Amino acid sequence: IPSDLMDQSVALDEAWSLNPRVSLRPERFGALAYHFGNRRLSFLRHPDLVSVAEGLADADSVADALRAAGVAEARWPSFQRALATLAASDMVIRRDAVEHPEQATNLQPERSSR
């Protein structure tokens, strides 16, 4: 992951969503997230994180998604870090990137080198 993307932060007042190119597969530990564009696989290691990730699209903000998933505020910083890691690998994206795909490079189909 490029170092400039590792610095990505996820603010509580921002609207985020799963990238439309990501699929979640439920597992005992949480879920596997697969990105069909960049072929990355990520582990969501807790069911609460899965609930938050799935609820992002329906929430007005990250904080609203955390509340809706029943996550205690004391745990929010660890969820912000987890979401920032998912953002760095393009698994979650800011909602404005979903609403205005023409402005987002991470939603463009990847070209095959074949």
N, C-alpha and C. Protein backbone atom coordinates (compact mmCIF):
# COMPACT_ATOMS: atom_id res chain seq x y z
N ILE A 1 0.86 -1.18 0.00
CA ILE A 1 0.00 0.00 0.00
C ILE A 1 0.90 1.23 0.00
N PRO A 2 0.70 2.15 -0.93
CA PRO A 2 1.52 3.35 -0.97
C PRO A 2 1.46 4.13 0.34
N SER A 3 2.58 4.73 0.73
CA SER A 3 2.66 5.42 2.01
C SER A 3 1.69 6.60 2.11
N ASP A 4 1.39 7.26 0.98
CA ASP A 4 0.45 8.38 1.05
C ASP A 4 -0.96 7.91 1.39
N LEU A 5 -1.31 6.68 1.02
CA LEU A 5 -2.62 6.16 1.36
C LEU A 5 -2.68 5.66 2.79
N MET A 6 -1.54 5.26 3.35
CA MET A 6 -1.51 4.78 4.73
C MET A 6 -1.86 5.91 5.69
N ASP A 7 -1.67 7.15 5.27
CA ASP A 7 -1.97 8.30 6.12
C ASP A 7 -3.45 8.67 6.07
N GLN A 8 -4.24 7.94 5.33
CA GLN A 8 -5.67 8.22 5.18
C GLN A 8 -6.34 8.12 6.55
N SER A 9 -7.10 9.13 6.90
CA SER A 9 -7.84 9.08 8.15
C SER A 9 -9.32 9.04 7.84
N VAL A 10 -10.06 8.50 8.78
CA VAL A 10 -11.50 8.40 8.64
C VAL A 10 -12.10 9.20 9.79
N ALA A 11 -12.65 10.36 9.46
CA ALA A 11 -13.22 11.24 10.48
C ALA A 11 -14.63 10.76 10.84
N LEU A 12 -14.97 10.93 12.10
CA LEU A 12 -16.27 10.47 12.59
C LEU A 12 -17.44 11.19 11.92
N ASP A 13 -17.23 12.42 11.47
CA ASP A 13 -18.33 13.19 10.88
C ASP A 13 -18.43 13.03 9.36
N GLU A 14 -17.59 12.20 8.77
CA GLU A 14 -17.62 11.97 7.32
C GLU A 14 -18.53 10.80 6.97
N ALA A 15 -19.05 10.84 5.75
CA ALA A 15 -19.88 9.75 5.23
C ALA A 15 -19.00 8.83 4.39
N TRP A 16 -18.98 7.55 4.74
CA TRP A 16 -18.19 6.54 4.04
C TRP A 16 -19.11 5.40 3.61
N SER A 17 -18.59 4.54 2.76
CA SER A 17 -19.34 3.38 2.29
C SER A 17 -18.36 2.30 1.87
N LEU A 18 -18.83 1.07 1.85
CA LEU A 18 -18.03 0.03 1.21
C LEU A 18 -17.88 0.39 -0.25
N ASN A 19 -16.72 0.14 -0.80
CA ASN A 19 -16.51 0.35 -2.23
C ASN A 19 -17.47 -0.58 -2.97
N PRO A 20 -18.16 -0.11 -4.01
CA PRO A 20 -19.08 -0.97 -4.75
C PRO A 20 -18.40 -2.20 -5.36
N ARG A 21 -17.09 -2.18 -5.45
CA ARG A 21 -16.36 -3.30 -6.03
C ARG A 21 -15.91 -4.31 -4.97
N VAL A 22 -16.41 -4.14 -3.73
CA VAL A 22 -16.03 -5.02 -2.62
C VAL A 22 -17.20 -5.91 -2.23
N SER A 23 -16.87 -7.15 -1.98
CA SER A 23 -17.84 -8.12 -1.50
C SER A 23 -17.38 -8.66 -0.14
N LEU A 24 -18.33 -8.77 0.79
CA LEU A 24 -18.03 -9.34 2.11
C LEU A 24 -18.55 -10.77 2.18
N ARG A 25 -17.71 -11.66 2.68
CA ARG A 25 -18.13 -13.04 2.90
C ARG A 25 -18.08 -13.31 4.41
N PRO A 26 -19.22 -13.58 5.01
CA PRO A 26 -19.24 -13.83 6.45
C PRO A 26 -18.38 -15.03 6.84
N GLU A 27 -17.69 -14.89 7.95
CA GLU A 27 -16.87 -15.96 8.52
C GLU A 27 -17.10 -15.98 10.03
N ARG A 28 -16.68 -17.03 10.73
CA ARG A 28 -16.86 -17.12 12.18
C ARG A 28 -16.21 -15.95 12.91
N PHE A 29 -15.06 -15.51 12.42
CA PHE A 29 -14.31 -14.44 13.08
C PHE A 29 -14.80 -13.05 12.71
N GLY A 30 -15.60 -12.93 11.67
CA GLY A 30 -16.06 -11.63 11.17
C GLY A 30 -16.42 -11.76 9.70
N ALA A 31 -15.48 -11.39 8.82
CA ALA A 31 -15.74 -11.51 7.37
C ALA A 31 -14.45 -11.37 6.59
N LEU A 32 -14.49 -11.87 5.37
CA LEU A 32 -13.44 -11.61 4.39
C LEU A 32 -13.98 -10.56 3.44
N ALA A 33 -13.17 -9.58 3.13
CA ALA A 33 -13.54 -8.55 2.16
C ALA A 33 -12.66 -8.75 0.93
N TYR A 34 -13.29 -8.90 -0.22
CA TYR A 34 -12.55 -9.07 -1.47
C TYR A 34 -12.88 -7.91 -2.40
N HIS A 35 -11.82 -7.26 -2.90
CA HIS A 35 -11.97 -6.14 -3.84
C HIS A 35 -11.78 -6.69 -5.25
N PHE A 36 -12.83 -6.65 -6.06
CA PHE A 36 -12.78 -7.21 -7.40
C PHE A 36 -11.95 -6.37 -8.37
N GLY A 37 -11.62 -5.14 -8.01
CA GLY A 37 -10.80 -4.30 -8.87
C GLY A 37 -9.32 -4.53 -8.66
N ASN A 38 -8.88 -4.43 -7.40
CA ASN A 38 -7.44 -4.56 -7.14
C ASN A 38 -7.06 -5.95 -6.63
N ARG A 39 -8.06 -6.80 -6.48
CA ARG A 39 -7.89 -8.20 -6.06
C ARG A 39 -7.30 -8.35 -4.67
N ARG A 40 -7.47 -7.34 -3.86
CA ARG A 40 -6.98 -7.43 -2.48
C ARG A 40 -8.00 -8.15 -1.61
N LEU A 41 -7.49 -8.83 -0.62
CA LEU A 41 -8.30 -9.55 0.35
C LEU A 41 -7.97 -8.99 1.72
N SER A 42 -9.00 -8.64 2.47
CA SER A 42 -8.81 -8.12 3.83
C SER A 42 -9.66 -8.94 4.79
N PHE A 43 -9.16 -9.04 6.01
CA PHE A 43 -9.89 -9.73 7.06
C PHE A 43 -10.53 -8.71 7.98
N LEU A 44 -11.82 -8.81 8.16
CA LEU A 44 -12.51 -8.01 9.17
C LEU A 44 -12.65 -8.94 10.36
N ARG A 45 -11.83 -8.71 11.38
CA ARG A 45 -11.61 -9.70 12.42
C ARG A 45 -12.59 -9.65 13.58
N HIS A 46 -13.66 -8.92 13.44
CA HIS A 46 -14.65 -8.90 14.52
C HIS A 46 -16.03 -8.64 13.91
N PRO A 47 -17.04 -9.34 14.39
CA PRO A 47 -18.39 -9.11 13.86
C PRO A 47 -18.86 -7.67 13.98
N ASP A 48 -18.42 -6.95 15.02
CA ASP A 48 -18.81 -5.54 15.16
C ASP A 48 -18.27 -4.70 14.00
N LEU A 49 -17.05 -5.00 13.56
CA LEU A 49 -16.48 -4.25 12.43
C LEU A 49 -17.26 -4.55 11.15
N VAL A 50 -17.71 -5.78 11.01
CA VAL A 50 -18.54 -6.14 9.85
C VAL A 50 -19.84 -5.35 9.89
N SER A 51 -20.45 -5.27 11.05
CA SER A 51 -21.71 -4.51 11.19
C SER A 51 -21.51 -3.05 10.84
N VAL A 52 -20.40 -2.48 11.30
CA VAL A 52 -20.12 -1.07 10.99
C VAL A 52 -19.89 -0.91 9.50
N ALA A 53 -19.07 -1.76 8.90
CA ALA A 53 -18.77 -1.66 7.46
C ALA A 53 -20.04 -1.78 6.63
N GLU A 54 -20.90 -2.72 7.00
CA GLU A 54 -22.15 -2.90 6.26
C GLU A 54 -23.11 -1.73 6.48
N GLY A 55 -23.03 -1.08 7.63
CA GLY A 55 -23.95 0.01 7.94
C GLY A 55 -23.50 1.37 7.46
N LEU A 56 -22.28 1.48 6.96
CA LEU A 56 -21.77 2.78 6.52
C LEU A 56 -22.65 3.43 5.45
N ALA A 57 -23.12 2.65 4.50
CA ALA A 57 -23.89 3.20 3.38
C ALA A 57 -25.21 3.82 3.83
N ASP A 58 -25.78 3.31 4.91
CA ASP A 58 -27.07 3.82 5.39
C ASP A 58 -26.94 4.90 6.44
N ALA A 59 -25.72 5.16 6.89
CA ALA A 59 -25.50 6.14 7.95
C ALA A 59 -25.05 7.47 7.36
N ASP A 60 -25.41 8.54 8.05
CA ASP A 60 -24.99 9.88 7.61
C ASP A 60 -23.52 10.15 7.90
N SER A 61 -22.95 9.38 8.83
CA SER A 61 -21.55 9.57 9.20
C SER A 61 -21.01 8.27 9.79
N VAL A 62 -19.70 8.23 9.95
CA VAL A 62 -19.07 7.09 10.61
C VAL A 62 -19.61 6.95 12.03
N ALA A 63 -19.74 8.06 12.74
CA ALA A 63 -20.27 8.03 14.11
C ALA A 63 -21.66 7.42 14.14
N ASP A 64 -22.52 7.76 13.18
CA ASP A 64 -23.86 7.19 13.12
C ASP A 64 -23.80 5.69 12.86
N ALA A 65 -22.87 5.25 12.02
CA ALA A 65 -22.72 3.81 11.75
C ALA A 65 -22.25 3.08 13.01
N LEU A 66 -21.34 3.70 13.76
CA LEU A 66 -20.86 3.10 15.00
C LEU A 66 -21.98 2.98 16.02
N ARG A 67 -22.77 4.05 16.15
CA ARG A 67 -23.91 4.02 17.07
C ARG A 67 -24.92 2.95 16.67
N ALA A 68 -25.24 2.90 15.39
CA ALA A 68 -26.23 1.93 14.89
C ALA A 68 -25.77 0.49 15.12
N ALA A 69 -24.47 0.27 15.09
CA ALA A 69 -23.92 -1.08 15.33
C ALA A 69 -23.78 -1.38 16.81
N GLY A 70 -24.07 -0.39 17.66
CA GLY A 70 -23.99 -0.60 19.10
C GLY A 70 -22.58 -0.61 19.66
N VAL A 71 -21.66 0.06 18.97
CA VAL A 71 -20.27 0.12 19.42
C VAL A 71 -20.13 1.20 20.49
N ALA A 72 -19.58 0.84 21.64
CA ALA A 72 -19.36 1.79 22.73
C ALA A 72 -18.35 2.85 22.30
N GLU A 73 -18.60 4.10 22.69
CA GLU A 73 -17.72 5.21 22.27
C GLU A 73 -16.27 4.99 22.65
N ALA A 74 -16.01 4.30 23.73
CA ALA A 74 -14.62 4.03 24.14
C ALA A 74 -13.88 3.20 23.09
N ARG A 75 -14.61 2.46 22.26
CA ARG A 75 -13.99 1.62 21.23
C ARG A 75 -13.87 2.33 19.88
N TRP A 76 -14.44 3.51 19.74
CA TRP A 76 -14.45 4.20 18.45
C TRP A 76 -13.06 4.44 17.86
N PRO A 77 -12.04 4.83 18.65
CA PRO A 77 -10.72 5.04 18.05
C PRO A 77 -10.16 3.79 17.35
N SER A 78 -10.37 2.63 17.93
CA SER A 78 -9.87 1.41 17.27
C SER A 78 -10.64 1.13 15.98
N PHE A 79 -11.92 1.46 15.95
CA PHE A 79 -12.70 1.28 14.73
C PHE A 79 -12.26 2.30 13.67
N GLN A 80 -11.93 3.51 14.09
CA GLN A 80 -11.43 4.51 13.13
C GLN A 80 -10.13 4.01 12.50
N ARG A 81 -9.25 3.43 13.31
CA ARG A 81 -7.99 2.90 12.77
C ARG A 81 -8.27 1.75 11.80
N ALA A 82 -9.19 0.86 12.16
CA ALA A 82 -9.52 -0.26 11.28
C ALA A 82 -10.11 0.25 9.96
N LEU A 83 -11.00 1.24 10.04
CA LEU A 83 -11.58 1.81 8.82
C LEU A 83 -10.53 2.53 7.98
N ALA A 84 -9.57 3.18 8.63
CA ALA A 84 -8.49 3.85 7.89
C ALA A 84 -7.65 2.81 7.14
N THR A 85 -7.42 1.67 7.76
CA THR A 85 -6.69 0.59 7.08
C THR A 85 -7.49 0.08 5.89
N LEU A 86 -8.80 -0.08 6.07
CA LEU A 86 -9.64 -0.50 4.95
C LEU A 86 -9.67 0.56 3.85
N ALA A 87 -9.64 1.83 4.24
CA ALA A 87 -9.61 2.92 3.25
C ALA A 87 -8.30 2.90 2.47
N ALA A 88 -7.20 2.60 3.15
CA ALA A 88 -5.89 2.57 2.49
C ALA A 88 -5.84 1.47 1.43
N SER A 89 -6.60 0.41 1.61
CA SER A 89 -6.63 -0.66 0.62
C SER A 89 -7.85 -0.55 -0.30
N ASP A 90 -8.54 0.61 -0.23
CA ASP A 90 -9.66 0.91 -1.13
C ASP A 90 -10.90 0.06 -0.88
N MET A 91 -11.00 -0.55 0.31
CA MET A 91 -12.17 -1.36 0.65
C MET A 91 -13.36 -0.47 1.01
N VAL A 92 -13.09 0.63 1.70
CA VAL A 92 -14.11 1.63 1.99
C VAL A 92 -13.69 2.94 1.36
N ILE A 93 -14.67 3.72 0.94
CA ILE A 93 -14.38 4.99 0.28
C ILE A 93 -15.32 6.06 0.83
N ARG A 94 -14.86 7.32 0.74
CA ARG A 94 -15.72 8.43 1.14
C ARG A 94 -16.97 8.42 0.28
N ARG A 95 -18.08 8.76 0.87
CA ARG A 95 -19.37 8.72 0.18
C ARG A 95 -19.36 9.62 -1.05
N ASP A 96 -18.67 10.75 -1.02
CA ASP A 96 -18.66 11.62 -2.20
C ASP A 96 -18.04 10.92 -3.40
N ALA A 97 -17.16 9.95 -3.17
CA ALA A 97 -16.58 9.19 -4.28
C ALA A 97 -17.63 8.27 -4.90
N VAL A 98 -18.57 7.79 -4.10
CA VAL A 98 -19.64 6.95 -4.62
C VAL A 98 -20.68 7.81 -5.35
N GLU A 99 -20.99 8.97 -4.77
CA GLU A 99 -22.01 9.84 -5.36
C GLU A 99 -21.52 10.56 -6.61
N HIS A 100 -20.20 10.73 -6.73
CA HIS A 100 -19.62 11.41 -7.89
C HIS A 100 -18.49 10.56 -8.46
N PRO A 101 -18.83 9.40 -9.05
CA PRO A 101 -17.80 8.48 -9.52
C PRO A 101 -16.88 9.06 -10.58
N GLU A 102 -17.34 10.07 -11.29
CA GLU A 102 -16.47 10.67 -12.32
C GLU A 102 -15.26 11.36 -11.70
N GLN A 103 -15.34 11.66 -10.40
CA GLN A 103 -14.23 12.32 -9.70
C GLN A 103 -13.34 11.32 -8.96
N ALA A 104 -13.72 10.06 -8.94
CA ALA A 104 -12.98 9.08 -8.15
C ALA A 104 -12.22 8.12 -9.06
N THR A 105 -10.93 8.05 -8.88
CA THR A 105 -10.13 7.12 -9.68
C THR A 105 -10.26 5.70 -9.17
N ASN A 106 -10.61 5.53 -7.90
CA ASN A 106 -10.65 4.18 -7.34
C ASN A 106 -11.88 3.39 -7.77
N LEU A 107 -12.79 3.97 -8.51
CA LEU A 107 -13.96 3.25 -9.00
C LEU A 107 -13.83 2.88 -10.47
N GLN A 108 -12.78 3.34 -11.11
CA GLN A 108 -12.60 3.06 -12.53
C GLN A 108 -12.15 1.62 -12.73
N PRO A 109 -12.67 0.95 -13.76
CA PRO A 109 -12.23 -0.42 -14.03
C PRO A 109 -10.73 -0.45 -14.32
N GLU A 110 -10.07 -1.47 -13.81
CA GLU A 110 -8.64 -1.60 -14.08
C GLU A 110 -8.45 -2.21 -15.46
N ARG A 111 -7.43 -1.76 -16.14
CA ARG A 111 -7.14 -2.26 -17.47
C ARG A 111 -6.29 -3.51 -17.36
N SER A 112 -6.61 -4.48 -18.17
CA SER A 112 -5.84 -5.73 -18.18
C SER A 112 -4.56 -5.50 -18.94
N SER A 113 -3.49 -6.17 -18.52
CA SER A 113 -2.21 -6.03 -19.22
C SER A 113 -2.07 -7.08 -20.32
N ARG A 114 -3.13 -7.83 -20.53
CA ARG A 114 -3.08 -8.87 -21.58
C ARG A 114 -3.25 -8.31 -22.93
